[in-house]
C-alpha atoms as a PDB file:
ATOM      1  CA  MET A   1       5.510  62.067  71.755  1.00  0.00           C
ATOM      2  CA  SER A   2       9.087  61.569  72.101  1.00  0.00           C
ATOM      3  CA  LYS A   3      11.667  61.155  69.486  1.00  0.00           C
ATOM      4  CA  LYS A   4      11.974  57.517  70.244  1.00  0.00           C
ATOM      5  CA  SER A   5       8.400  56.910  69.765  1.00  0.00           C
ATOM      6  CA  LYS A   6       8.450  58.649  66.388  1.00  0.00           C
ATOM      7  CA  LYS A   7      11.397  56.546  65.377  1.00  0.00           C
ATOM      8  CA  GLU A   8       9.749  53.487  66.730  1.00  0.00           C
ATOM      9  CA  THR A   9       6.594  54.374  64.868  1.00  0.00           C
ATOM     10  CA  ASN A  10       8.537  54.933  61.683  1.00  0.00           C
ATOM     11  CA  ILE A  11      10.377  51.667  62.208  1.00  0.00           C
ATOM     12  CA  GLU A  12       7.123  49.880  62.900  1.00  0.00           C
ATOM     13  CA  GLU A  13       5.629  51.383  59.762  1.00  0.00           C
ATOM     14  CA  ASP A  14       8.690  50.437  57.773  1.00  0.00           C
ATOM     15  CA  VAL A  15       8.486  46.912  59.173  1.00  0.00           C
ATOM     16  CA  LYS A  16       4.787  46.749  58.312  1.00  0.00           C
ATOM     17  CA  THR A  17       5.464  48.064  54.796  1.00  0.00           C
ATOM     18  CA  ALA A  18       8.316  45.647  54.331  1.00  0.00           C
ATOM     19  CA  SER A  19       6.173  42.865  55.720  1.00  0.00           C
ATOM     20  CA  ASN A  20       3.318  43.804  53.354  1.00  0.00           C
ATOM     21  CA  GLN A  21       5.763  43.931  50.431  1.00  0.00           C
ATOM     22  CA  ALA A  22       7.168  40.553  51.419  1.00  0.00           C
ATOM     23  CA  GLU A  23       3.664  39.106  51.669  1.00  0.00           C
ATOM     24  CA  THR A  24       2.768  40.637  48.307  1.00  0.00           C
ATOM     25  CA  THR A  25       5.955  39.221  46.771  1.00  0.00           C
ATOM     26  CA  THR A  26       5.250  35.833  48.329  1.00  0.00           C
ATOM     27  CA  GLU A  27       1.654  35.934  47.058  1.00  0.00           C
ATOM     28  CA  GLN A  28       2.893  36.937  43.599  1.00  0.00           C
ATOM     29  CA  GLU A  29       5.420  34.094  43.659  1.00  0.00           C
ATOM     30  CA  GLU A  30       2.653  31.706  44.687  1.00  0.00           C
ATOM     31  CA  VAL A  31       0.428  33.017  41.872  1.00  0.00           C
ATOM     32  CA  VAL A  32       3.301  32.720  39.413  1.00  0.00           C
ATOM     33  CA  GLU A  33       4.047  29.266  40.800  1.00  0.00           C
ATOM     34  CA  GLU A  34       0.356  28.301  40.487  1.00  0.00           C
ATOM     35  CA  LEU A  35       0.301  29.657  36.927  1.00  0.00           C
ATOM     36  CA  SER A  36       3.459  27.809  36.042  1.00  0.00           C
ATOM     37  CA  VAL A  37       2.035  24.606  37.558  1.00  0.00           C
ATOM     38  CA  GLU A  38      -1.199  25.188  35.646  1.00  0.00           C
ATOM     39  CA  ASP A  39       0.758  25.906  32.462  1.00  0.00           C
ATOM     40  CA  GLN A  40       2.865  22.825  33.054  1.00  0.00           C
ATOM     41  CA  LEU A  41      -0.249  20.709  33.503  1.00  0.00           C
ATOM     42  CA  LYS A  42      -1.731  22.146  30.314  1.00  0.00           C
ATOM     43  CA  ALA A  43       1.479  21.407  28.433  1.00  0.00           C
ATOM     44  CA  ASP A  44       1.554  17.866  29.824  1.00  0.00           C
ATOM     45  CA  LEU A  45      -2.084  17.375  28.872  1.00  0.00           C
ATOM     46  CA  GLN A  46      -1.410  18.604  25.336  1.00  0.00           C
ATOM     47  CA  GLN A  47       1.602  16.308  25.066  1.00  0.00           C
ATOM     48  CA  GLU A  48      -0.456  13.313  26.199  1.00  0.00           C
ATOM     49  CA  LYS A  49      -3.218  14.234  23.732  1.00  0.00           C
ATOM     50  CA  ASP A  50      -0.648  14.322  20.927  1.00  0.00           C
ATOM     51  CA  LYS A  51       0.700  10.925  21.986  1.00  0.00           C
ATOM     52  CA  PHE A  52      -2.824   9.530  22.086  1.00  0.00           C
ATOM     53  CA  LEU A  53      -3.693  10.907  18.646  1.00  0.00           C
ATOM     54  CA  ARG A  54      -0.491   9.533  17.145  1.00  0.00           C
ATOM     55  CA  LEU A  55      -1.090   6.147  18.718  1.00  0.00           C
ATOM     56  CA  PHE A  56      -4.697   6.145  17.527  1.00  0.00           C
ATOM     57  CA  ALA A  57      -3.651   7.088  13.979  1.00  0.00           C
ATOM     58  CA  GLU A  58      -0.960   4.407  14.011  1.00  0.00           C
ATOM     59  CA  PHE A  59      -3.497   1.818  15.146  1.00  0.00           C
ATOM     60  CA  GLU A  60      -5.961   2.878  12.425  1.00  0.00           C
ATOM     61  CA  ASN A  61      -3.203   2.547   9.816  1.00  0.00           C
ATOM     62  CA  TYR A  62      -2.353  -0.877  11.214  1.00  0.00           C
ATOM     63  CA  LYS A  63      -5.993  -1.987  10.908  1.00  0.00           C
ATOM     64  CA  LYS A  64      -6.212  -0.732   7.326  1.00  0.00           C
ATOM     65  CA  ARG A  65      -2.908  -2.355   6.374  1.00  0.00           C
ATOM     66  CA  THR A  66      -3.822  -5.731   7.877  1.00  0.00           C
ATOM     67  CA  SER A  67      -7.249  -5.590   6.258  1.00  0.00           C
ATOM     68  CA  ARG A  68      -5.673  -4.828   2.875  1.00  0.00           C
ATOM     69  CA  GLU A  69      -3.097  -7.605   3.357  1.00  0.00           C
ATOM     70  CA  ARG A  70      -5.857 -10.035   4.279  1.00  0.00           C
ATOM     71  CA  MET A  71      -7.804  -9.152   1.125  1.00  0.00           C
ATOM     72  CA  GLU A  72      -4.661  -9.593  -0.978  1.00  0.00           C
ATOM     73  CA  LEU A  73      -4.010 -12.923   0.710  1.00  0.00           C
ATOM     74  CA  PHE A  74      -7.525 -14.128  -0.093  1.00  0.00           C
ATOM     75  CA  GLN A  75      -7.134 -12.974  -3.686  1.00  0.00           C
ATOM     76  CA  THR A  76      -3.771 -14.619  -4.169  1.00  0.00           C
ATOM     77  CA  ALA A  77      -4.143 -17.622  -1.863  1.00  0.00           C
ATOM     78  CA  SER A  78      -4.608 -19.884  -4.842  1.00  0.00           C
ATOM     79  CA  LYS A  79      -1.586 -18.463  -6.669  1.00  0.00           C
ATOM     80  CA  ASP A  80       0.405 -21.722  -6.470  1.00  0.00           C
ATOM     81  CA  VAL A  81      -2.493 -23.722  -7.849  1.00  0.00           C
ATOM     82  CA  MET A  82      -3.048 -21.199 -10.640  1.00  0.00           C
ATOM     83  CA  VAL A  83       0.634 -21.187 -11.603  1.00  0.00           C
ATOM     84  CA  SER A  84       0.651 -24.981 -11.751  1.00  0.00           C
ATOM     85  CA  MET A  85      -2.501 -24.960 -13.937  1.00  0.00           C
ATOM     86  CA  LEU A  86      -1.086 -22.552 -16.537  1.00  0.00           C
ATOM     87  CA  PRO A  87       0.924 -25.230 -18.398  1.00  0.00           C
ATOM     88  CA  VAL A  88      -2.234 -27.361 -18.610  1.00  0.00           C
ATOM     89  CA  LEU A  89      -4.061 -24.379 -20.096  1.00  0.00           C
ATOM     90  CA  ASP A  90      -1.211 -23.898 -22.602  1.00  0.00           C
ATOM     91  CA  ASP A  91      -1.353 -27.580 -23.562  1.00  0.00           C
ATOM     92  CA  PHE A  92      -5.095 -27.324 -24.221  1.00  0.00           C
ATOM     93  CA  GLU A  93      -4.502 -24.328 -26.490  1.00  0.00           C
ATOM     94  CA  ARG A  94      -1.776 -26.195 -28.421  1.00  0.00           C
ATOM     95  CA  ALA A  95      -4.047 -29.230 -28.739  1.00  0.00           C
ATOM     96  CA  LEU A  96      -6.864 -27.087 -30.111  1.00  0.00           C
ATOM     97  CA  LEU A  97      -4.508 -25.571 -32.716  1.00  0.00           C
ATOM     98  CA  HIS A  98      -3.389 -29.015 -33.927  1.00  0.00           C
ATOM     99  CA  ILE A  99      -6.868 -30.537 -33.888  1.00  0.00           C
ATOM    100  CA  GLU A 100      -8.161 -27.732 -36.148  1.00  0.00           C
ATOM    101  CA  ASP A 101      -5.833 -29.012 -38.884  1.00  0.00           C
ATOM    102  CA  ASP A 102      -7.348 -32.495 -38.748  1.00  0.00           C
ATOM    103  CA  LYS A 103     -10.772 -32.441 -40.394  1.00  0.00           C
ATOM    104  CA  GLU A 104     -11.620 -36.019 -39.338  1.00  0.00           C
ATOM    105  CA  ALA A 105     -11.328 -35.233 -35.610  1.00  0.00           C
ATOM    106  CA  GLU A 106     -14.214 -32.741 -35.438  1.00  0.00           C
ATOM    107  CA  GLU A 107     -15.909 -34.501 -32.521  1.00  0.00           C
ATOM    108  CA  LEU A 108     -12.598 -34.716 -30.653  1.00  0.00           C
ATOM    109  CA  ARG A 109     -12.064 -30.978 -31.208  1.00  0.00           C
ATOM    110  CA  LYS A 110     -15.531 -30.195 -29.790  1.00  0.00           C
ATOM    111  CA  GLY A 111     -14.842 -32.298 -26.664  1.00  0.00           C
ATOM    112  CA  VAL A 112     -11.414 -30.740 -26.071  1.00  0.00           C
ATOM    113  CA  LEU A 113     -12.850 -27.252 -26.637  1.00  0.00           C
ATOM    114  CA  LEU A 114     -15.633 -27.956 -24.133  1.00  0.00           C
ATOM    115  CA  ILE A 115     -13.132 -29.095 -21.467  1.00  0.00           C
ATOM    116  CA  TYR A 116     -10.837 -26.144 -22.237  1.00  0.00           C
ATOM    117  CA  ASN A 117     -13.699 -23.651 -21.846  1.00  0.00           C
ATOM    118  CA  LYS A 118     -14.800 -25.204 -18.536  1.00  0.00           C
ATOM    119  CA  LEU A 119     -11.253 -25.079 -17.173  1.00  0.00           C
ATOM    120  CA  LEU A 120     -10.772 -21.505 -18.354  1.00  0.00           C
ATOM    121  CA  GLN A 121     -14.105 -20.422 -16.873  1.00  0.00           C
ATOM    122  CA  ALA A 122     -13.312 -22.055 -13.509  1.00  0.00           C
ATOM    123  CA  LEU A 123      -9.925 -20.324 -13.366  1.00  0.00           C
ATOM    124  CA  GLN A 124     -11.440 -16.976 -14.339  1.00  0.00           C
ATOM    125  CA  GLN A 125     -13.998 -17.282 -11.543  1.00  0.00           C
ATOM    126  CA  LYS A 126     -11.077 -17.622  -9.123  1.00  0.00           C
ATOM    127  CA  GLY A 127      -9.556 -14.362 -10.420  1.00  0.00           C
ATOM    128  CA  LEU A 128      -7.312 -15.462 -13.281  1.00  0.00           C
ATOM    129  CA  ALA A 129      -7.173 -12.997 -16.180  1.00  0.00           C
ATOM    130  CA  GLN A 130      -5.200 -13.140 -19.388  1.00  0.00           C
ATOM    131  CA  ILE A 131      -2.882 -10.217 -20.144  1.00  0.00           C
ATOM    132  CA  ASP A 132      -3.848  -8.863 -23.534  1.00  0.00           C
ATOM    133  CA  VAL A 133      -0.798  -8.713 -25.808  1.00  0.00           C
ATOM    134  CA  ARG A 134      -1.020  -8.461 -29.582  1.00  0.00           C
ATOM    135  CA  LYS A 135       1.422  -8.420 -32.430  1.00  0.00           C
ATOM    136  CA  GLY A 136       2.415  -4.844 -33.186  1.00  0.00           C
ATOM    137  CA  ASP A 137       2.069  -3.595 -29.585  1.00  0.00           C
ATOM    138  CA  ALA A 138       4.956  -1.560 -28.215  1.00  0.00           C
ATOM    139  CA  PHE A 139       7.405  -3.600 -26.121  1.00  0.00           C
ATOM    140  CA  ASN A 140       7.544  -2.646 -22.447  1.00  0.00           C
ATOM    141  CA  ALA A 141      10.166  -4.401 -20.314  1.00  0.00           C
ATOM    142  CA  ASP A 142       8.005  -3.900 -17.210  1.00  0.00           C
ATOM    143  CA  ASN A 143       5.062  -5.783 -18.725  1.00  0.00           C
ATOM    144  CA  HIS A 144       6.643  -8.241 -21.170  1.00  0.00           C
ATOM    145  CA  GLU A 145       9.431 -10.798 -21.137  1.00  0.00           C
ATOM    146  CA  ALA A 146      11.505 -10.699 -24.329  1.00  0.00           C
ATOM    147  CA  ILE A 147      12.655 -14.143 -25.409  1.00  0.00           C
ATOM    148  CA  THR A 148      14.598 -13.014 -28.458  1.00  0.00           C
ATOM    149  CA  GLN A 149      15.008 -10.234 -30.978  1.00  0.00           C
ATOM    150  CA  ILE A 150      14.777 -10.756 -34.711  1.00  0.00           C
ATOM    151  CA  PRO A 151      15.143  -8.333 -37.600  1.00  0.00           C
ATOM    152  CA  ALA A 152      11.864  -6.471 -38.015  1.00  0.00           C
ATOM    153  CA  PRO A 153       9.973  -7.463 -41.193  1.00  0.00           C
ATOM    154  CA  THR A 154       8.944  -3.825 -41.670  1.00  0.00           C
ATOM    155  CA  PRO A 155      10.494  -0.622 -40.311  1.00  0.00           C
ATOM    156  CA  ASP A 156       7.355   0.235 -38.335  1.00  0.00           C
ATOM    157  CA  LEU A 157       7.742  -2.966 -36.237  1.00  0.00           C
ATOM    158  CA  LYS A 158      11.141  -1.977 -34.784  1.00  0.00           C
ATOM    159  CA  GLY A 159      10.933  -2.157 -30.984  1.00  0.00           C
ATOM    160  CA  LYS A 160       7.482  -3.695 -31.190  1.00  0.00           C
ATOM    161  CA  ILE A 161       6.139  -7.169 -30.524  1.00  0.00           C
ATOM    162  CA  ILE A 162       6.371  -9.445 -33.538  1.00  0.00           C
ATOM    163  CA  ASP A 163       5.167 -12.701 -31.990  1.00  0.00           C
ATOM    164  CA  VAL A 164       3.691 -13.901 -28.686  1.00  0.00           C
ATOM    165  CA  ILE A 165       5.336 -17.165 -27.604  1.00  0.00           C
ATOM    166  CA  GLU A 166       3.495 -17.660 -24.313  1.00  0.00           C
ATOM    167  CA  LYS A 167       0.491 -15.803 -22.920  1.00  0.00           C
ATOM    168  CA  GLY A 168       0.735 -13.887 -19.677  1.00  0.00           C
ATOM    169  CA  TYR A 169      -1.718 -14.086 -16.787  1.00  0.00           C
ATOM    170  CA  LYS A 170      -2.718 -12.030 -13.760  1.00  0.00           C
ATOM    171  CA  LEU A 171      -4.341 -13.166 -10.550  1.00  0.00           C
ATOM    172  CA  GLY A 172      -6.300 -10.177  -9.335  1.00  0.00           C
ATOM    173  CA  GLU A 173      -3.834  -7.315  -9.795  1.00  0.00           C
ATOM    174  CA  THR A 174      -0.727  -9.505  -9.389  1.00  0.00           C
ATOM    175  CA  VAL A 175       1.065 -10.729 -12.495  1.00  0.00           C
ATOM    176  CA  ILE A 176       1.757 -14.436 -12.038  1.00  0.00           C
ATOM    177  CA  ARG A 177       3.312 -14.957 -15.489  1.00  0.00           C
ATOM    178  CA  PHE A 178       4.581 -12.310 -17.855  1.00  0.00           C
ATOM    179  CA  PRO A 179       3.835 -12.773 -21.551  1.00  0.00           C
ATOM    180  CA  LYS A 180       6.865 -14.096 -23.441  1.00  0.00           C
ATOM    181  CA  VAL A 181       7.337 -12.261 -26.725  1.00  0.00           C
ATOM    182  CA  VAL A 182       9.644 -11.843 -29.694  1.00  0.00           C
ATOM    183  CA  ILE A 183      10.513  -8.262 -30.562  1.00  0.00           C
ATOM    184  CA  GLY A 184      11.820  -6.658 -33.755  1.00  0.00           C
ATOM    185  CA  GLN A 185      15.098  -4.796 -33.887  1.00  0.00           C
END
């Protein structure tokens, strides 16, 4: 073999080696590119799953909230009627107090008491409940409406309820009228 042929052989081998290295590099780039595409698809899929889960959770919260609001609406739908009936209930209570003083009107007292009990029972069936407030209870501005303050008859009644002027009522869990009270100072 001649020198040229050795050089040519070496050059051919170098070209083949370089070609093989280039092919290997190209294959590696394709593999890396395929992996990066696969990783990108996985990341996109995970992102879409997160969006879906958030949207699903938001929709579930919406359903619960609207269901709760609907129940509250049903419970308080008659609020206006109940509020307008409270003065009538108060008038019945005042009438019963005054009729008790008159001994001759016993039959009238029984009739008024019967009507009062029927009205009260009908309102209670619709969700009306009286707020229990007694003389001597601690005053709470969140739960009571203070009409006035008077000097406390005894030191232990300072800051406490001395008299209940008007009863308070709730419709379900909603207070529709706060009890009006007099507190001692």
